[in-house]
Amino acid sequence: MMSEPFNDIHQVEMAVKAAQKAVGNATMNMDPAQLENATKAIEAAKSQLQRAFQHEISEEFVQFSANLLEKLEHQVEEAKK
């Protein structure tokens, strides 16, 4: 089905954007609850990416998304210290 990979990519993009927004808010406010929500948003994006990876989507897209999520995760971890 042609729309399947597109939907997967779209889902990952939306999840990554949500994670970016959550991390941005959390690191600005340094609120523990927001930091926890940011961590959960990153985890959700990672699992979306994992599901999408099972379909035939571009390796570049997967790598880009994974690297971005890694950076976001690092930001949250630093902010939690």
Protein backbone atom coordinates (compact mmCIF):
# COMPACT_ATOMS: atom_id res chain seq x y z
CA MET A 1 0.00 0.00 0.00
CA MET A 2 1.54 3.25 -1.14
CA SER A 3 0.20 5.52 1.61
CA GLU A 4 1.53 3.30 4.41
CA PRO A 5 5.17 4.58 4.39
CA PHE A 6 3.95 8.15 3.96
CA ASN A 7 1.67 7.82 6.97
CA ASP A 8 4.52 6.33 8.99
CA ILE A 9 6.83 9.19 8.04
CA HIS A 10 4.12 11.72 8.85
CA GLN A 11 3.50 10.09 12.25
CA VAL A 12 7.23 10.18 13.04
CA GLU A 13 7.51 13.83 11.97
CA MET A 14 4.56 14.77 14.18
CA ALA A 15 5.98 12.83 17.13
CA VAL A 16 9.43 14.41 16.70
CA LYS A 17 7.88 17.89 16.51
CA ALA A 18 5.89 17.19 19.68
CA ALA A 19 9.09 16.02 21.40
CA GLN A 20 10.97 19.14 20.24
CA LYS A 21 8.23 21.39 21.60
CA ALA A 22 8.08 19.48 24.91
CA VAL A 23 11.87 19.65 25.31
CA GLY A 24 11.90 23.35 24.46
CA ASN A 25 9.24 24.16 27.05
CA ALA A 26 10.75 21.90 29.69
CA THR A 27 14.30 23.20 29.34
CA MET A 28 13.11 26.82 29.43
CA ASN A 29 11.05 26.32 32.60
CA MET A 30 13.22 23.59 34.16
CA ASP A 31 10.01 22.18 35.63
CA PRO A 32 10.47 18.54 36.72
CA ALA A 33 6.98 17.54 35.51
CA GLN A 34 7.61 19.10 32.11
CA LEU A 35 11.01 17.42 31.91
CA GLU A 36 9.28 14.11 32.58
CA ASN A 37 6.69 14.86 29.88
CA ALA A 38 9.50 15.72 27.48
CA THR A 39 11.14 12.37 28.22
CA LYS A 40 7.84 10.61 27.51
CA ALA A 41 7.42 12.57 24.26
CA ILE A 42 10.90 11.47 23.16
CA GLU A 43 10.09 7.85 24.01
CA ALA A 44 6.83 8.08 22.04
CA ALA A 45 8.69 9.49 19.05
CA LYS A 46 11.29 6.74 19.29
CA SER A 47 8.63 4.04 19.26
CA GLN A 48 6.92 5.72 16.27
CA LEU A 49 10.28 5.72 14.51
CA GLN A 50 10.80 2.06 15.37
CA ARG A 51 7.41 1.16 13.88
CA ALA A 52 8.07 3.24 10.76
CA PHE A 53 11.45 1.59 10.32
CA GLN A 54 9.68 -1.73 9.78
CA HIS A 55 8.30 -0.35 6.52
CA GLU A 56 10.35 0.67 3.52
CA ILE A 57 11.23 4.22 4.45
CA SER A 58 14.41 6.08 3.66
CA GLU A 59 17.47 5.31 5.73
CA GLU A 60 18.35 9.02 5.70
CA PHE A 61 15.01 9.92 7.26
CA VAL A 62 15.39 7.29 9.96
CA GLN A 63 18.96 8.42 10.72
CA PHE A 64 18.00 12.10 10.78
CA SER A 65 15.09 11.46 13.14
CA ALA A 66 17.11 9.18 15.40
CA ASN A 67 19.93 11.75 15.67
CA LEU A 68 17.47 14.53 16.43
CA LEU A 69 15.81 12.47 19.15
CA GLU A 70 19.22 11.66 20.62
CA LYS A 71 20.03 15.38 20.86
CA LEU A 72 16.65 16.10 22.46
CA GLU A 73 17.21 13.30 24.95
CA HIS A 74 20.60 14.73 25.84
CA GLN A 75 19.07 18.20 26.39
CA VAL A 76 16.50 16.76 28.77
CA GLU A 77 19.09 14.71 30.66
CA GLU A 78 21.31 17.79 31.09
CA ALA A 79 18.33 19.83 32.27
CA LYS A 80 17.41 17.17 34.86
CA LYS A 81 20.84 17.41 36.52
